[in-house]
Amino acid sequence: MKAKAKKTLTKLEAYKQVVNDIEFAKSELEDLLEESKDIGRVEITTNLDIYINSSEKQFLFAIGVLKSNIDACKELGVDPTDLREKFDSVKELFQLSKEISQWQEYVKELDSYHNEVKRLLTDDDKFALLEYPSKK
């Protein structure tokens, strides 16, 4: 039986890969930030607004207030549609904030790795990265 040869990346291949990974991660991050901008601000009360950068405690408080108000609407026979929409928006913003944090951390780690690999590149490797100008 032949053992499968494990392919190892050269420094230059690793550098090219991390550059692609950073581009992808930043693109994903931009998409999530755009999604959060679409929601924007959710007004819970006259004294509490929820944004993408609100704290976890603010999100918890907002959900508690909204749940309580939705229950009160049921008790009084009032239409809770507006409150349910706010509730869903707060939940969505919270999920987006978690995803954004994870992608930001990943980009930070990739940037660090990128810098480490870049320091290891030889002059020949750096020269191979240069693109020859083409006539357009």
N, C-alpha and C. Protein backbone atom coordinates (compact mmCIF):
# COMPACT_ATOMS: atom_id res chain seq x y z
N MET A 1 0.82 -1.18 0.00
CA MET A 1 0.00 0.00 0.00
C MET A 1 0.87 1.25 0.00
N LYS A 2 0.44 2.19 -0.78
CA LYS A 2 1.16 3.45 -0.82
C LYS A 2 0.52 4.42 0.17
N ALA A 3 1.35 5.05 0.93
CA ALA A 3 0.86 6.07 1.85
C ALA A 3 0.66 7.36 1.06
N LYS A 4 -0.42 8.05 1.37
CA LYS A 4 -0.68 9.32 0.70
C LYS A 4 0.35 10.34 1.17
N ALA A 5 0.93 11.01 0.19
CA ALA A 5 1.90 12.05 0.51
C ALA A 5 1.14 13.29 0.98
N LYS A 6 1.55 13.81 2.09
CA LYS A 6 0.91 15.00 2.63
C LYS A 6 1.55 16.21 1.97
N LYS A 7 0.73 17.02 1.33
CA LYS A 7 1.24 18.20 0.64
C LYS A 7 1.48 19.31 1.65
N THR A 8 2.67 19.85 1.60
CA THR A 8 2.97 20.98 2.47
C THR A 8 3.06 22.22 1.60
N LEU A 9 2.60 23.32 2.15
CA LEU A 9 2.62 24.58 1.44
C LEU A 9 4.01 25.21 1.51
N THR A 10 4.41 25.80 0.42
CA THR A 10 5.62 26.60 0.47
C THR A 10 5.25 27.93 1.12
N LYS A 11 6.26 28.69 1.49
CA LYS A 11 6.00 30.00 2.10
C LYS A 11 5.22 30.88 1.13
N LEU A 12 5.59 30.81 -0.14
CA LEU A 12 4.93 31.64 -1.15
C LEU A 12 3.47 31.22 -1.33
N GLU A 13 3.22 29.90 -1.36
CA GLU A 13 1.84 29.41 -1.48
C GLU A 13 1.02 29.79 -0.24
N ALA A 14 1.63 29.69 0.92
CA ALA A 14 0.94 30.06 2.16
C ALA A 14 0.59 31.54 2.15
N TYR A 15 1.51 32.35 1.66
CA TYR A 15 1.27 33.78 1.58
C TYR A 15 0.11 34.08 0.64
N LYS A 16 0.13 33.47 -0.53
CA LYS A 16 -0.95 33.68 -1.51
C LYS A 16 -2.29 33.22 -0.94
N GLN A 17 -2.28 32.10 -0.23
CA GLN A 17 -3.51 31.56 0.36
C GLN A 17 -4.07 32.50 1.42
N VAL A 18 -3.20 33.01 2.28
CA VAL A 18 -3.69 33.88 3.35
C VAL A 18 -4.20 35.20 2.78
N VAL A 19 -3.61 35.68 1.69
CA VAL A 19 -4.11 36.90 1.06
C VAL A 19 -5.53 36.65 0.54
N ASN A 20 -5.75 35.49 -0.09
CA ASN A 20 -7.10 35.14 -0.56
C ASN A 20 -8.08 34.97 0.59
N ASP A 21 -7.62 34.34 1.66
CA ASP A 21 -8.48 34.13 2.83
C ASP A 21 -8.87 35.46 3.48
N ILE A 22 -7.93 36.39 3.53
CA ILE A 22 -8.23 37.71 4.10
C ILE A 22 -9.27 38.43 3.25
N GLU A 23 -9.11 38.37 1.94
CA GLU A 23 -10.08 39.01 1.04
C GLU A 23 -11.48 38.42 1.26
N PHE A 24 -11.55 37.08 1.34
CA PHE A 24 -12.83 36.43 1.55
C PHE A 24 -13.45 36.83 2.89
N ALA A 25 -12.64 36.79 3.95
CA ALA A 25 -13.15 37.11 5.29
C ALA A 25 -13.63 38.56 5.36
N LYS A 26 -12.89 39.47 4.75
CA LYS A 26 -13.30 40.87 4.76
C LYS A 26 -14.58 41.07 3.96
N SER A 27 -14.73 40.32 2.90
CA SER A 27 -15.96 40.40 2.10
C SER A 27 -17.16 39.92 2.91
N GLU A 28 -16.99 38.82 3.62
CA GLU A 28 -18.06 38.30 4.48
C GLU A 28 -18.41 39.31 5.57
N LEU A 29 -17.39 39.91 6.14
CA LEU A 29 -17.57 40.91 7.19
C LEU A 29 -18.34 42.12 6.65
N GLU A 30 -17.99 42.57 5.47
CA GLU A 30 -18.69 43.70 4.86
C GLU A 30 -20.16 43.37 4.61
N ASP A 31 -20.43 42.14 4.17
CA ASP A 31 -21.82 41.72 3.93
C ASP A 31 -22.63 41.75 5.23
N LEU A 32 -22.03 41.25 6.31
CA LEU A 32 -22.72 41.25 7.61
C LEU A 32 -22.95 42.67 8.11
N LEU A 33 -21.97 43.53 7.92
CA LEU A 33 -22.13 44.92 8.34
C LEU A 33 -23.23 45.61 7.54
N GLU A 34 -23.34 45.30 6.27
CA GLU A 34 -24.42 45.85 5.44
C GLU A 34 -25.78 45.38 5.94
N GLU A 35 -25.85 44.08 6.28
CA GLU A 35 -27.10 43.54 6.83
C GLU A 35 -27.50 44.29 8.09
N SER A 36 -26.51 44.55 8.95
CA SER A 36 -26.81 45.24 10.20
C SER A 36 -27.24 46.68 9.93
N LYS A 37 -26.67 47.31 8.90
CA LYS A 37 -27.07 48.68 8.55
C LYS A 37 -28.50 48.71 8.05
N ASP A 38 -28.92 47.64 7.37
CA ASP A 38 -30.31 47.56 6.89
C ASP A 38 -31.29 47.60 8.05
N ILE A 39 -30.92 46.99 9.16
CA ILE A 39 -31.78 47.02 10.35
C ILE A 39 -31.60 48.35 11.07
N GLY A 40 -30.33 48.76 11.21
CA GLY A 40 -30.05 50.05 11.85
C GLY A 40 -30.33 50.07 13.33
N ARG A 41 -31.24 50.94 13.72
CA ARG A 41 -31.58 51.18 15.12
C ARG A 41 -32.96 50.60 15.40
N VAL A 42 -33.09 49.95 16.55
CA VAL A 42 -34.40 49.46 16.98
C VAL A 42 -34.75 50.21 18.27
N GLU A 43 -35.82 50.99 18.20
CA GLU A 43 -36.26 51.75 19.38
C GLU A 43 -37.13 50.85 20.25
N ILE A 44 -36.64 50.58 21.44
CA ILE A 44 -37.36 49.72 22.38
C ILE A 44 -38.28 50.57 23.24
N THR A 45 -37.72 51.57 23.86
CA THR A 45 -38.49 52.55 24.65
C THR A 45 -37.93 53.92 24.28
N THR A 46 -38.50 54.95 24.86
CA THR A 46 -37.97 56.29 24.58
C THR A 46 -36.55 56.46 25.11
N ASN A 47 -36.15 55.61 26.05
CA ASN A 47 -34.81 55.70 26.64
C ASN A 47 -33.86 54.59 26.20
N LEU A 48 -34.33 53.67 25.37
CA LEU A 48 -33.46 52.55 24.98
C LEU A 48 -33.58 52.26 23.49
N ASP A 49 -32.46 52.40 22.81
CA ASP A 49 -32.34 52.00 21.41
C ASP A 49 -31.29 50.90 21.34
N ILE A 50 -31.49 49.96 20.42
CA ILE A 50 -30.54 48.88 20.23
C ILE A 50 -29.88 49.06 18.87
N TYR A 51 -28.56 48.96 18.88
CA TYR A 51 -27.73 49.05 17.67
C TYR A 51 -26.88 47.79 17.57
N ILE A 52 -26.17 47.64 16.47
CA ILE A 52 -25.31 46.48 16.28
C ILE A 52 -24.22 46.40 17.35
N ASN A 53 -23.79 47.55 17.86
CA ASN A 53 -22.71 47.55 18.86
C ASN A 53 -23.22 47.67 20.30
N SER A 54 -24.51 47.42 20.50
CA SER A 54 -25.05 47.42 21.87
C SER A 54 -24.44 46.27 22.66
N SER A 55 -24.41 46.44 23.96
CA SER A 55 -23.83 45.39 24.82
C SER A 55 -24.81 44.22 24.95
N GLU A 56 -24.27 43.11 25.40
CA GLU A 56 -25.11 41.92 25.60
C GLU A 56 -26.20 42.22 26.64
N LYS A 57 -25.87 42.98 27.67
CA LYS A 57 -26.85 43.34 28.70
C LYS A 57 -27.98 44.18 28.10
N GLN A 58 -27.63 45.07 27.18
CA GLN A 58 -28.66 45.88 26.54
C GLN A 58 -29.58 45.01 25.68
N PHE A 59 -29.00 44.04 24.97
CA PHE A 59 -29.81 43.12 24.17
C PHE A 59 -30.74 42.32 25.08
N LEU A 60 -30.20 41.81 26.19
CA LEU A 60 -31.02 41.03 27.13
C LEU A 60 -32.16 41.87 27.69
N PHE A 61 -31.85 43.08 28.08
CA PHE A 61 -32.87 43.96 28.62
C PHE A 61 -33.95 44.25 27.58
N ALA A 62 -33.52 44.52 26.35
CA ALA A 62 -34.46 44.82 25.27
C ALA A 62 -35.39 43.63 25.01
N ILE A 63 -34.83 42.43 24.97
CA ILE A 63 -35.65 41.24 24.76
C ILE A 63 -36.64 41.07 25.90
N GLY A 64 -36.19 41.29 27.13
CA GLY A 64 -37.08 41.18 28.29
C GLY A 64 -38.23 42.17 28.22
N VAL A 65 -37.92 43.41 27.89
CA VAL A 65 -38.95 44.45 27.78
C VAL A 65 -39.95 44.08 26.68
N LEU A 66 -39.42 43.68 25.53
CA LEU A 66 -40.31 43.36 24.41
C LEU A 66 -41.18 42.14 24.72
N LYS A 67 -40.61 41.10 25.33
CA LYS A 67 -41.41 39.92 25.69
C LYS A 67 -42.52 40.29 26.66
N SER A 68 -42.16 41.10 27.64
CA SER A 68 -43.13 41.54 28.63
C SER A 68 -44.26 42.33 27.97
N ASN A 69 -43.89 43.23 27.06
CA ASN A 69 -44.90 44.03 26.37
C ASN A 69 -45.77 43.18 25.44
N ILE A 70 -45.18 42.19 24.80
CA ILE A 70 -45.96 41.29 23.94
C ILE A 70 -46.96 40.51 24.78
N ASP A 71 -46.52 40.02 25.94
CA ASP A 71 -47.43 39.31 26.85
C ASP A 71 -48.55 40.23 27.33
N ALA A 72 -48.20 41.47 27.62
CA ALA A 72 -49.21 42.45 28.07
C ALA A 72 -50.23 42.70 26.96
N CYS A 73 -49.77 42.76 25.72
CA CYS A 73 -50.69 42.95 24.59
C CYS A 73 -51.70 41.81 24.51
N LYS A 74 -51.22 40.59 24.72
CA LYS A 74 -52.11 39.43 24.70
C LYS A 74 -53.16 39.55 25.80
N GLU A 75 -52.72 39.95 26.98
CA GLU A 75 -53.62 40.09 28.11
C GLU A 75 -54.70 41.15 27.86
N LEU A 76 -54.31 42.21 27.17
CA LEU A 76 -55.24 43.32 26.95
C LEU A 76 -55.95 43.25 25.60
N GLY A 77 -55.58 42.26 24.80
CA GLY A 77 -56.20 42.13 23.49
C GLY A 77 -55.75 43.19 22.50
N VAL A 78 -54.52 43.67 22.66
CA VAL A 78 -53.96 44.69 21.77
C VAL A 78 -53.06 43.99 20.74
N ASP A 79 -53.03 44.53 19.53
CA ASP A 79 -52.23 43.94 18.46
C ASP A 79 -50.72 44.11 18.75
N PRO A 80 -49.98 42.99 18.90
CA PRO A 80 -48.56 43.08 19.22
C PRO A 80 -47.63 43.04 17.99
N THR A 81 -48.16 43.23 16.78
CA THR A 81 -47.38 43.08 15.55
C THR A 81 -46.12 43.94 15.55
N ASP A 82 -46.27 45.22 15.91
CA ASP A 82 -45.12 46.12 15.92
C ASP A 82 -44.05 45.64 16.90
N LEU A 83 -44.48 45.16 18.05
CA LEU A 83 -43.54 44.67 19.06
C LEU A 83 -42.84 43.40 18.61
N ARG A 84 -43.57 42.52 17.93
CA ARG A 84 -42.97 41.28 17.41
C ARG A 84 -41.90 41.59 16.36
N GLU A 85 -42.18 42.60 15.53
CA GLU A 85 -41.19 42.99 14.52
C GLU A 85 -39.92 43.52 15.19
N LYS A 86 -40.10 44.32 16.23
CA LYS A 86 -38.95 44.83 16.97
C LYS A 86 -38.19 43.68 17.63
N PHE A 87 -38.96 42.75 18.20
CA PHE A 87 -38.36 41.58 18.85
C PHE A 87 -37.50 40.80 17.85
N ASP A 88 -38.05 40.54 16.66
CA ASP A 88 -37.30 39.82 15.63
C ASP A 88 -36.07 40.60 15.18
N SER A 89 -36.20 41.91 15.07
CA SER A 89 -35.06 42.74 14.66
C SER A 89 -33.95 42.72 15.70
N VAL A 90 -34.33 42.76 16.98
CA VAL A 90 -33.33 42.71 18.06
C VAL A 90 -32.61 41.37 18.03
N LYS A 91 -33.35 40.28 17.87
CA LYS A 91 -32.73 38.96 17.79
C LYS A 91 -31.78 38.88 16.61
N GLU A 92 -32.20 39.40 15.47
CA GLU A 92 -31.36 39.36 14.28
C GLU A 92 -30.09 40.20 14.48
N LEU A 93 -30.24 41.39 15.05
CA LEU A 93 -29.07 42.23 15.33
C LEU A 93 -28.10 41.54 16.27
N PHE A 94 -28.65 40.85 17.28
CA PHE A 94 -27.79 40.15 18.23
C PHE A 94 -26.99 39.06 17.52
N GLN A 95 -27.66 38.27 16.67
CA GLN A 95 -26.96 37.22 15.92
C GLN A 95 -25.90 37.82 15.00
N LEU A 96 -26.25 38.90 14.33
CA LEU A 96 -25.28 39.56 13.45
C LEU A 96 -24.08 40.07 14.25
N SER A 97 -24.34 40.62 15.43
CA SER A 97 -23.22 41.14 16.23
C SER A 97 -22.27 40.01 16.62
N LYS A 98 -22.82 38.84 16.92
CA LYS A 98 -21.98 37.68 17.27
C LYS A 98 -21.16 37.24 16.06
N GLU A 99 -21.81 37.14 14.90
CA GLU A 99 -21.10 36.73 13.68
C GLU A 99 -20.03 37.75 13.31
N ILE A 100 -20.36 39.02 13.41
CA ILE A 100 -19.40 40.07 13.08
C ILE A 100 -18.18 39.97 13.99
N SER A 101 -18.41 39.75 15.27
CA SER A 101 -17.29 39.61 16.22
C SER A 101 -16.39 38.43 15.84
N GLN A 102 -17.00 37.31 15.46
CA GLN A 102 -16.22 36.14 15.08
C GLN A 102 -15.41 36.40 13.80
N TRP A 103 -16.02 37.04 12.82
CA TRP A 103 -15.30 37.35 11.58
C TRP A 103 -14.20 38.37 11.83
N GLN A 104 -14.45 39.35 12.70
CA GLN A 104 -13.42 40.34 13.02
C GLN A 104 -12.23 39.67 13.69
N GLU A 105 -12.49 38.74 14.58
CA GLU A 105 -11.41 38.01 15.25
C GLU A 105 -10.64 37.16 14.24
N TYR A 106 -11.34 36.53 13.32
CA TYR A 106 -10.71 35.71 12.29
C TYR A 106 -9.82 36.57 11.39
N VAL A 107 -10.31 37.73 10.97
CA VAL A 107 -9.52 38.64 10.14
C VAL A 107 -8.27 39.08 10.89
N LYS A 108 -8.41 39.36 12.16
CA LYS A 108 -7.27 39.76 12.99
C LYS A 108 -6.21 38.65 13.04
N GLU A 109 -6.66 37.41 13.22
CA GLU A 109 -5.73 36.28 13.25
C GLU A 109 -5.07 36.08 11.89
N LEU A 110 -5.86 36.22 10.82
CA LEU A 110 -5.30 36.09 9.47
C LEU A 110 -4.27 37.18 9.20
N ASP A 111 -4.56 38.41 9.63
CA ASP A 111 -3.61 39.51 9.44
C ASP A 111 -2.29 39.21 10.15
N SER A 112 -2.38 38.67 11.34
CA SER A 112 -1.18 38.33 12.11
C SER A 112 -0.38 37.24 11.38
N TYR A 113 -1.08 36.22 10.92
CA TYR A 113 -0.44 35.13 10.17
C TYR A 113 0.18 35.67 8.89
N HIS A 114 -0.55 36.54 8.20
CA HIS A 114 -0.07 37.17 6.96
C HIS A 114 1.26 37.88 7.20
N ASN A 115 1.32 38.64 8.29
CA ASN A 115 2.55 39.38 8.60
C ASN A 115 3.71 38.43 8.92
N GLU A 116 3.41 37.35 9.63
CA GLU A 116 4.46 36.36 9.95
C GLU A 116 5.00 35.70 8.68
N VAL A 117 4.10 35.29 7.80
CA VAL A 117 4.52 34.62 6.57
C VAL A 117 5.28 35.60 5.68
N LYS A 118 4.80 36.83 5.62
CA LYS A 118 5.46 37.84 4.77
C LYS A 118 6.91 38.05 5.20
N ARG A 119 7.15 38.04 6.51
CA ARG A 119 8.52 38.21 7.02
C ARG A 119 9.43 37.05 6.59
N LEU A 120 8.83 35.87 6.37
CA LEU A 120 9.61 34.69 6.00
C LEU A 120 9.95 34.62 4.52
N LEU A 121 9.26 35.42 3.71
CA LEU A 121 9.48 35.36 2.27
C LEU A 121 10.87 35.85 1.89
N THR A 122 11.46 35.16 0.94
CA THR A 122 12.77 35.59 0.43
C THR A 122 12.53 36.68 -0.62
N ASP A 123 13.60 37.32 -1.03
CA ASP A 123 13.49 38.33 -2.09
C ASP A 123 12.93 37.70 -3.37
N ASP A 124 13.34 36.47 -3.66
CA ASP A 124 12.83 35.78 -4.86
C ASP A 124 11.32 35.55 -4.75
N ASP A 125 10.85 35.18 -3.54
CA ASP A 125 9.42 34.98 -3.32
C ASP A 125 8.67 36.29 -3.55
N LYS A 126 9.20 37.37 -2.99
CA LYS A 126 8.55 38.68 -3.14
C LYS A 126 8.53 39.11 -4.59
N PHE A 127 9.61 38.81 -5.30
CA PHE A 127 9.67 39.14 -6.73
C PHE A 127 8.61 38.36 -7.50
N ALA A 128 8.39 37.10 -7.12
CA ALA A 128 7.39 36.26 -7.80
C ALA A 128 5.98 36.80 -7.59
N LEU A 129 5.78 37.57 -6.53
CA LEU A 129 4.46 38.14 -6.27
C LEU A 129 4.16 39.36 -7.13
N LEU A 130 5.20 39.98 -7.66
CA LEU A 130 5.00 41.17 -8.49
C LEU A 130 4.33 40.79 -9.80
N GLU A 131 3.39 41.63 -10.20
CA GLU A 131 2.71 41.40 -11.48
C GLU A 131 3.34 42.30 -12.53
N TYR A 132 3.66 41.69 -13.64
CA TYR A 132 4.23 42.45 -14.74
C TYR A 132 3.14 43.29 -15.37
N PRO A 133 3.39 44.58 -15.61
CA PRO A 133 2.34 45.43 -16.19
C PRO A 133 1.95 44.95 -17.59
N SER A 134 0.68 45.03 -17.87
CA SER A 134 0.21 44.65 -19.20
C SER A 134 -0.47 45.84 -19.86
N LYS A 135 -0.39 45.85 -21.16
CA LYS A 135 -0.99 46.94 -21.93
C LYS A 135 -2.49 46.73 -21.94
N LYS A 136 -3.22 47.81 -21.66
CA LYS A 136 -4.68 47.69 -21.60
C LYS A 136 -5.34 48.40 -22.74
